[in-house]
Amino acid sequence: MTDREIDVLVSGRVFSDLVFTGVEAPAPGAEVYARDFAISPGGAANRAVAAARLGAYTALVTELGDDPIGCIIERALRGEPNLDLRFAVQHAEYQNPITVAITDGHDRSFVTFEQQPPHLPSWPDSTPVRVAHVGMGRGPIDTEAAQLRSRGTTLVGGVGWDPSGEWSEALLDQLDAIDILIVNEVEALAYTRARTADAALDILADRVGLAVITLGPNGALAAQGADRLTVPALTVHAVDPTGAGDAFTAAFMAATAWDWPLDQRLRLASISATCSVRGAGGARSAPRPADIADLLADHHHDPLWAPVHDWAEQHRNSPVTATPGALSL
């Protein structure tokens, strides 16, 4: 890999996801059979692979284990063109976190095992980064992320499930440290104590430059200053919703790095999430431009979807190492 500018930087733990689809979680003492099974990189890899497959030059900062399943995950990541793993370190005798996911296409159940990880490797200190993802809700953002922002990097914040159930409103006081916040509807309502997604969006938009709330099969909402936007999601047969939110965030980050208009960033993110639910596993089912073009084939005459469709069609056979950032409007 060269020391070229990074479009998208993702930092966090990579999981080994073992995904069983077409099945409900068994009752205690019972045995059930899945329709399908997949091993896929998960966690931070969901976002990194999704961005790279769209053509964004993507760097992943993480620790990888040398256990048997962890080695499968490491090889899978190494096989992804456009994914820079200079900042991913594989450690001897470190067990990669493992998650077993059971899904019927709508609801999911998880069982996870994880060890205390080594410290994450350092973020790039000289390579320019256009957009980086940071985790929110567990205290101030990393110093390295703040330093990147001071050098011009756009910081996109996300939150995870709060197992404590507290959903501390202190998160709102951290939002001035980032440029864009992307949360799902459950997270938005929990942290703002609002009763509707629209009301939650108003609260978040007062704290951060750009707020986005994903609504699953109902699309997404966004607010930037006084502007409010809504984009739909297309209806498809869902196999596994794991990683759909990550696919949304990755596509939005990639399009932000390419300076797309906000409405088209939202549409690329929405269609990427929709594509991802059609396959098992988060990173494994992340779409490429050809997948997006095929899914939008029936909508390419719609002027609202046409720019994303035309971009995806144009880059259907593009070399994956070429950043396909141009959007015709």
Protein backbone atom coordinates (compact mmCIF):
# COMPACT_ATOMS: atom_id res chain seq x y z
CA MET A 1 0.00 0.00 0.00
CA THR A 2 1.18 3.52 -0.78
CA ASP A 3 1.01 6.46 1.58
CA ARG A 4 -1.85 7.99 -0.41
CA GLU A 5 -4.65 10.00 1.17
CA ILE A 6 -7.16 7.85 3.06
CA ASP A 7 -10.80 8.42 2.14
CA VAL A 8 -12.31 6.56 5.10
CA LEU A 9 -10.68 5.46 8.36
CA VAL A 10 -12.38 2.98 10.69
CA SER A 11 -11.08 2.04 14.14
CA GLY A 12 -12.39 -0.63 16.49
CA ARG A 13 -12.58 -4.30 17.32
CA VAL A 14 -13.04 -6.86 14.57
CA PHE A 15 -15.27 -9.84 15.42
CA SER A 16 -15.41 -13.31 13.94
CA ASP A 17 -19.11 -13.61 13.10
CA LEU A 18 -20.66 -17.07 12.80
CA VAL A 19 -24.07 -16.42 11.25
CA PHE A 20 -26.97 -18.92 11.14
CA THR A 21 -29.85 -17.72 8.93
CA GLY A 22 -33.42 -18.81 8.36
CA VAL A 23 -33.89 -19.98 11.92
CA GLU A 24 -35.17 -18.77 15.27
CA ALA A 25 -33.16 -19.11 18.45
CA PRO A 26 -33.91 -22.48 20.08
CA ALA A 27 -35.61 -22.89 23.42
CA PRO A 28 -33.39 -24.27 26.22
CA GLY A 29 -32.66 -27.94 25.57
CA ALA A 30 -33.92 -27.82 21.96
CA GLU A 31 -32.05 -28.18 18.68
CA VAL A 32 -32.94 -26.28 15.50
CA TYR A 33 -31.49 -26.35 11.99
CA ALA A 34 -30.52 -23.25 10.03
CA ARG A 35 -31.24 -22.73 6.35
CA ASP A 36 -27.76 -21.30 5.75
CA PHE A 37 -24.48 -20.52 7.51
CA ALA A 38 -21.64 -18.06 6.94
CA ILE A 39 -18.39 -16.95 8.56
CA SER A 40 -17.81 -13.23 8.16
CA PRO A 41 -15.67 -10.44 9.57
CA GLY A 42 -17.80 -8.34 11.90
CA GLY A 43 -17.60 -5.36 14.22
CA ALA A 44 -15.47 -2.56 12.80
CA ALA A 45 -14.77 -4.70 9.71
CA ASN A 46 -18.39 -4.25 8.62
CA ARG A 47 -17.86 -0.55 8.02
CA ALA A 48 -14.34 -0.88 6.64
CA VAL A 49 -15.20 -3.56 4.07
CA ALA A 50 -18.41 -1.79 3.04
CA ALA A 51 -16.57 1.47 2.34
CA ALA A 52 -13.75 -0.28 0.48
CA ARG A 53 -16.14 -2.23 -1.75
CA LEU A 54 -17.77 1.01 -2.87
CA GLY A 55 -14.36 2.26 -3.98
CA ALA A 56 -13.29 4.40 -1.03
CA TYR A 57 -9.64 3.96 -0.12
CA THR A 58 -10.17 2.68 3.43
CA ALA A 59 -7.87 2.09 6.39
CA LEU A 60 -8.75 -0.19 9.31
CA VAL A 61 -7.14 0.33 12.74
CA THR A 62 -7.60 -2.85 14.78
CA GLU A 63 -6.15 -5.86 16.54
CA LEU A 64 -6.54 -9.33 15.02
CA GLY A 65 -6.16 -12.71 16.73
CA ASP A 66 -4.16 -15.71 15.57
CA ASP A 67 -6.76 -18.30 16.64
CA PRO A 68 -8.08 -20.58 13.83
CA ILE A 69 -11.27 -18.61 13.16
CA GLY A 70 -9.42 -15.33 13.61
CA CYS A 71 -6.98 -16.41 10.90
CA ILE A 72 -9.92 -17.03 8.54
CA ILE A 73 -11.12 -13.49 9.25
CA GLU A 74 -7.63 -12.07 8.70
CA ARG A 75 -7.34 -13.79 5.31
CA ALA A 76 -10.76 -12.53 4.30
CA LEU A 77 -9.75 -8.96 5.10
CA ARG A 78 -6.44 -9.32 3.27
CA GLY A 79 -8.42 -10.38 0.21
CA GLU A 80 -10.42 -7.15 0.06
CA PRO A 81 -8.94 -4.78 -2.54
CA ASN A 82 -8.91 -1.11 -1.55
CA LEU A 83 -8.66 -2.00 2.16
CA ASP A 84 -5.45 -0.74 3.78
CA LEU A 85 -4.39 -2.96 6.70
CA ARG A 86 -1.15 -1.19 7.59
CA PHE A 87 -2.72 -0.22 10.92
CA ALA A 88 -4.17 -3.69 11.67
CA VAL A 89 -1.91 -5.76 13.91
CA GLN A 90 -2.22 -9.53 14.39
CA HIS A 91 -1.21 -10.71 17.87
CA ALA A 92 -0.04 -14.15 18.92
CA GLU A 93 -2.20 -15.88 21.53
CA TYR A 94 -4.97 -13.32 21.19
CA GLN A 95 -8.42 -14.83 20.68
CA ASN A 96 -10.35 -12.82 18.12
CA PRO A 97 -13.78 -12.00 19.58
CA ILE A 98 -16.43 -14.43 18.32
CA THR A 99 -20.14 -13.75 17.90
CA VAL A 100 -22.72 -16.38 16.99
CA ALA A 101 -25.69 -14.69 15.32
CA ILE A 102 -29.03 -16.44 14.81
CA THR A 103 -31.54 -14.70 12.56
CA ASP A 104 -34.79 -15.37 10.74
CA GLY A 105 -34.31 -12.28 8.58
CA HIS A 106 -36.10 -9.95 10.99
CA ASP A 107 -35.11 -10.63 14.59
CA ARG A 108 -31.63 -11.58 15.76
CA SER A 109 -30.08 -13.27 18.77
CA PHE A 110 -26.39 -13.15 19.66
CA VAL A 111 -23.90 -15.03 21.79
CA THR A 112 -20.47 -13.40 22.10
CA PHE A 113 -17.14 -14.34 23.64
CA GLU A 114 -14.35 -11.80 23.93
CA GLN A 115 -11.11 -11.35 25.80
CA GLN A 116 -9.64 -8.07 26.94
CA PRO A 117 -7.89 -6.89 23.78
CA PRO A 118 -4.42 -5.38 23.51
CA HIS A 119 -4.38 -1.65 22.96
CA LEU A 120 -5.38 -0.56 19.47
CA PRO A 121 -2.50 0.43 17.18
CA SER A 122 -1.87 4.12 16.64
CA TRP A 123 -3.90 5.99 14.05
CA PRO A 124 -2.11 7.58 11.08
CA ASP A 125 -0.10 10.55 12.27
CA SER A 126 1.00 11.93 8.91
CA THR A 127 -1.18 10.37 6.20
CA PRO A 128 -4.10 12.68 5.30
CA VAL A 129 -7.52 11.26 6.23
CA ARG A 130 -10.71 12.71 4.76
CA VAL A 131 -13.34 11.03 6.98
CA ALA A 132 -12.94 8.94 10.15
CA HIS A 133 -15.40 7.05 12.34
CA VAL A 134 -15.33 7.34 16.14
CA GLY A 135 -17.34 5.61 18.85
CA MET A 136 -19.37 7.83 21.19
CA GLY A 137 -20.96 7.44 24.59
CA ARG A 138 -18.04 6.09 26.62
CA GLY A 139 -16.32 9.31 27.53
CA PRO A 140 -14.38 11.87 25.47
CA ILE A 141 -13.25 10.87 21.99
CA ASP A 142 -9.71 9.59 21.49
CA THR A 143 -6.94 12.16 21.41
CA GLU A 144 -5.83 10.75 18.07
CA ALA A 145 -9.28 11.38 16.60
CA ALA A 146 -9.26 14.94 17.92
CA GLN A 147 -5.85 15.50 16.36
CA LEU A 148 -7.10 14.23 13.01
CA ARG A 149 -10.02 16.63 13.20
CA SER A 150 -7.67 19.52 13.92
CA ARG A 151 -5.90 18.64 10.65
CA GLY A 152 -9.10 18.75 8.63
CA THR A 153 -10.56 15.25 8.99
CA THR A 154 -14.36 15.02 9.19
CA LEU A 155 -15.33 12.97 12.24
CA VAL A 156 -18.42 10.76 12.02
CA GLY A 157 -19.70 9.53 15.38
CA GLY A 158 -21.73 6.44 16.14
CA VAL A 159 -23.01 4.75 19.28
CA GLY A 160 -23.68 1.15 20.17
CA TRP A 161 -26.22 -0.65 22.29
CA ASP A 162 -26.03 0.39 25.94
CA PRO A 163 -26.24 -2.84 27.98
CA SER A 164 -26.61 -0.80 31.18
CA GLY A 165 -29.90 0.60 29.95
CA GLU A 166 -28.92 4.07 31.19
CA TRP A 167 -28.55 5.75 27.78
CA SER A 168 -26.83 8.65 29.52
CA GLU A 169 -27.78 12.09 28.24
CA ALA A 170 -24.14 13.02 28.77
CA LEU A 171 -23.64 11.81 25.21
CA LEU A 172 -25.28 15.00 24.00
CA ASP A 173 -22.52 17.04 25.64
CA GLN A 174 -19.90 15.19 23.57
CA LEU A 175 -21.38 16.00 20.19
CA ASP A 176 -19.44 19.21 19.73
CA ALA A 177 -16.34 17.02 19.31
CA ILE A 178 -17.62 15.51 16.04
CA ASP A 179 -19.01 16.79 12.74
CA ILE A 180 -21.62 14.15 11.88
CA LEU A 181 -23.68 11.83 14.11
CA ILE A 182 -25.35 8.70 12.69
CA VAL A 183 -27.65 6.75 15.03
CA ASN A 184 -30.59 4.40 14.62
CA GLU A 185 -34.08 5.23 15.83
CA VAL A 186 -33.81 3.25 19.07
CA GLU A 187 -30.55 4.98 19.99
CA ALA A 188 -31.89 8.42 19.05
CA LEU A 189 -35.03 8.07 21.17
CA ALA A 190 -33.14 6.58 24.11
CA TYR A 191 -30.46 9.25 24.31
CA THR A 192 -32.74 12.25 23.70
CA ARG A 193 -35.78 10.96 25.67
CA ALA A 194 -37.88 12.13 22.72
CA ARG A 195 -41.09 10.37 21.72
CA THR A 196 -40.64 10.54 17.94
CA ALA A 197 -37.71 10.35 15.54
CA ASP A 198 -38.52 13.84 14.25
CA ALA A 199 -38.35 15.27 17.77
CA ALA A 200 -35.10 13.41 18.46
CA LEU A 201 -33.63 14.78 15.23
CA ASP A 202 -34.40 18.33 16.31
CA ILE A 203 -32.61 17.78 19.63
CA LEU A 204 -29.55 16.23 17.98
CA ALA A 205 -29.38 18.88 15.26
CA ASP A 206 -28.98 21.53 17.97
CA ARG A 207 -25.81 19.77 19.19
CA VAL A 208 -24.01 18.62 16.01
CA GLY A 209 -23.49 20.00 12.52
CA LEU A 210 -25.21 17.10 10.77
CA ALA A 211 -27.46 14.52 12.45
CA VAL A 212 -28.74 11.37 10.74
CA ILE A 213 -31.26 8.88 12.14
CA THR A 214 -31.71 5.56 10.37
CA LEU A 215 -35.20 4.05 10.39
CA GLY A 216 -34.55 0.54 9.10
CA PRO A 217 -37.05 -0.38 6.36
CA ASN A 218 -38.48 3.15 6.56
CA GLY A 219 -35.32 4.87 5.32
CA ALA A 220 -33.55 7.71 7.13
CA LEU A 221 -33.89 11.28 8.37
CA ALA A 222 -31.22 13.96 8.37
CA ALA A 223 -30.88 17.51 9.66
CA GLN A 224 -28.20 20.05 8.84
CA GLY A 225 -28.93 23.45 10.28
CA ALA A 226 -32.49 24.35 9.31
CA ASP A 227 -32.57 21.80 6.46
CA ARG A 228 -34.47 18.53 6.96
CA LEU A 229 -34.30 15.58 4.56
CA THR A 230 -36.04 12.21 4.40
CA VAL A 231 -35.01 9.33 2.12
CA PRO A 232 -36.87 6.04 1.65
CA ALA A 233 -35.61 2.48 1.70
CA LEU A 234 -36.50 0.04 -1.05
CA THR A 235 -38.33 -3.14 -0.05
CA VAL A 236 -36.41 -6.41 -0.46
CA HIS A 237 -36.48 -9.91 1.04
CA ALA A 238 -34.24 -9.71 4.12
CA VAL A 239 -32.00 -12.66 4.91
CA ASP A 240 -29.88 -11.14 7.68
CA PRO A 241 -30.09 -7.54 8.97
CA THR A 242 -26.68 -7.83 10.67
CA GLY A 243 -24.43 -5.02 9.51
CA ALA A 244 -27.10 -3.00 7.69
CA GLY A 245 -26.44 0.02 9.89
CA ASP A 246 -22.71 -0.34 9.29
CA ALA A 247 -23.28 -0.49 5.52
CA PHE A 248 -25.34 2.70 5.79
CA THR A 249 -22.63 4.49 7.79
CA ALA A 250 -19.82 3.30 5.51
CA ALA A 251 -21.57 4.45 2.36
CA PHE A 252 -22.42 7.81 3.92
CA MET A 253 -18.77 8.26 4.95
CA ALA A 254 -17.50 7.32 1.49
CA ALA A 255 -19.87 9.75 -0.22
CA THR A 256 -18.88 12.44 2.31
CA ALA A 257 -15.22 11.88 1.40
CA TRP A 258 -16.20 12.35 -2.25
CA ASP A 259 -18.09 15.59 -1.50
CA TRP A 260 -21.48 14.34 -2.70
CA PRO A 261 -24.60 16.43 -1.97
CA LEU A 262 -26.37 15.44 1.24
CA ASP A 263 -29.46 13.98 -0.43
CA GLN A 264 -27.36 11.65 -2.59
CA ARG A 265 -25.15 10.65 0.33
CA LEU A 266 -28.33 9.56 2.12
CA ARG A 267 -29.58 7.66 -0.92
CA LEU A 268 -26.30 5.81 -1.44
CA ALA A 269 -26.30 4.94 2.27
CA SER A 270 -29.92 3.77 2.18
CA ILE A 271 -29.49 1.54 -0.87
CA SER A 272 -26.23 0.10 0.51
CA ALA A 273 -27.99 -0.92 3.71
CA THR A 274 -30.85 -2.43 1.72
CA CYS A 275 -28.42 -4.43 -0.42
CA SER A 276 -26.62 -5.75 2.62
CA VAL A 277 -29.65 -7.40 4.24
CA ARG A 278 -30.05 -9.75 1.26
CA GLY A 279 -27.06 -11.85 2.32
CA ALA A 280 -25.70 -13.42 5.50
CA GLY A 281 -23.01 -11.70 7.54
CA GLY A 282 -22.13 -8.03 7.87
CA ALA A 283 -18.89 -7.54 5.92
CA ARG A 284 -19.55 -10.57 3.75
CA SER A 285 -22.77 -9.08 2.35
CA ALA A 286 -21.50 -5.51 1.88
CA PRO A 287 -22.48 -4.41 -1.65
CA ARG A 288 -20.36 -3.34 -4.60
CA PRO A 289 -21.45 -0.79 -7.21
CA ALA A 290 -22.74 -3.59 -9.46
CA ASP A 291 -25.05 -4.83 -6.68
CA ILE A 292 -26.43 -1.32 -6.23
CA ALA A 293 -26.91 -0.83 -9.96
CA ASP A 294 -28.82 -4.11 -10.23
CA LEU A 295 -31.07 -3.30 -7.29
CA LEU A 296 -31.84 0.16 -8.68
CA ALA A 297 -32.47 -1.09 -12.22
CA ASP A 298 -36.22 -0.72 -11.79
CA HIS A 299 -35.85 2.79 -10.36
CA HIS A 300 -33.30 4.39 -12.67
CA HIS A 301 -35.95 6.52 -14.38
CA ASP A 302 -36.88 8.06 -11.02
CA PRO A 303 -35.01 11.40 -11.04
CA LEU A 304 -34.35 11.11 -7.31
CA TRP A 305 -32.60 7.73 -7.64
CA ALA A 306 -31.02 8.33 -11.07
CA PRO A 307 -27.73 9.93 -9.89
CA VAL A 308 -26.86 7.00 -7.60
CA HIS A 309 -27.97 4.45 -10.19
CA ASP A 310 -25.91 6.12 -12.91
CA TRP A 311 -22.86 6.31 -10.64
CA ALA A 312 -23.19 2.62 -9.74
CA GLU A 313 -23.67 1.62 -13.38
CA GLN A 314 -20.70 3.71 -14.46
CA HIS A 315 -18.46 1.99 -11.90
CA ARG A 316 -19.89 -1.51 -12.33
CA ASN A 317 -16.65 -2.73 -13.92
CA SER A 318 -14.24 -0.07 -12.65
CA PRO A 319 -10.95 -1.18 -11.09
CA VAL A 320 -11.60 -1.32 -7.37
CA THR A 321 -8.37 0.56 -6.67
CA ALA A 322 -9.72 3.62 -8.49
CA THR A 323 -11.77 5.83 -6.20
CA PRO A 324 -15.16 6.23 -7.93
CA GLY A 325 -16.11 9.53 -6.39
CA ALA A 326 -17.66 11.50 -9.22
CA LEU A 327 -21.44 11.90 -9.18
CA SER A 328 -23.37 13.25 -12.13
CA LEU A 329 -26.38 15.37 -11.14
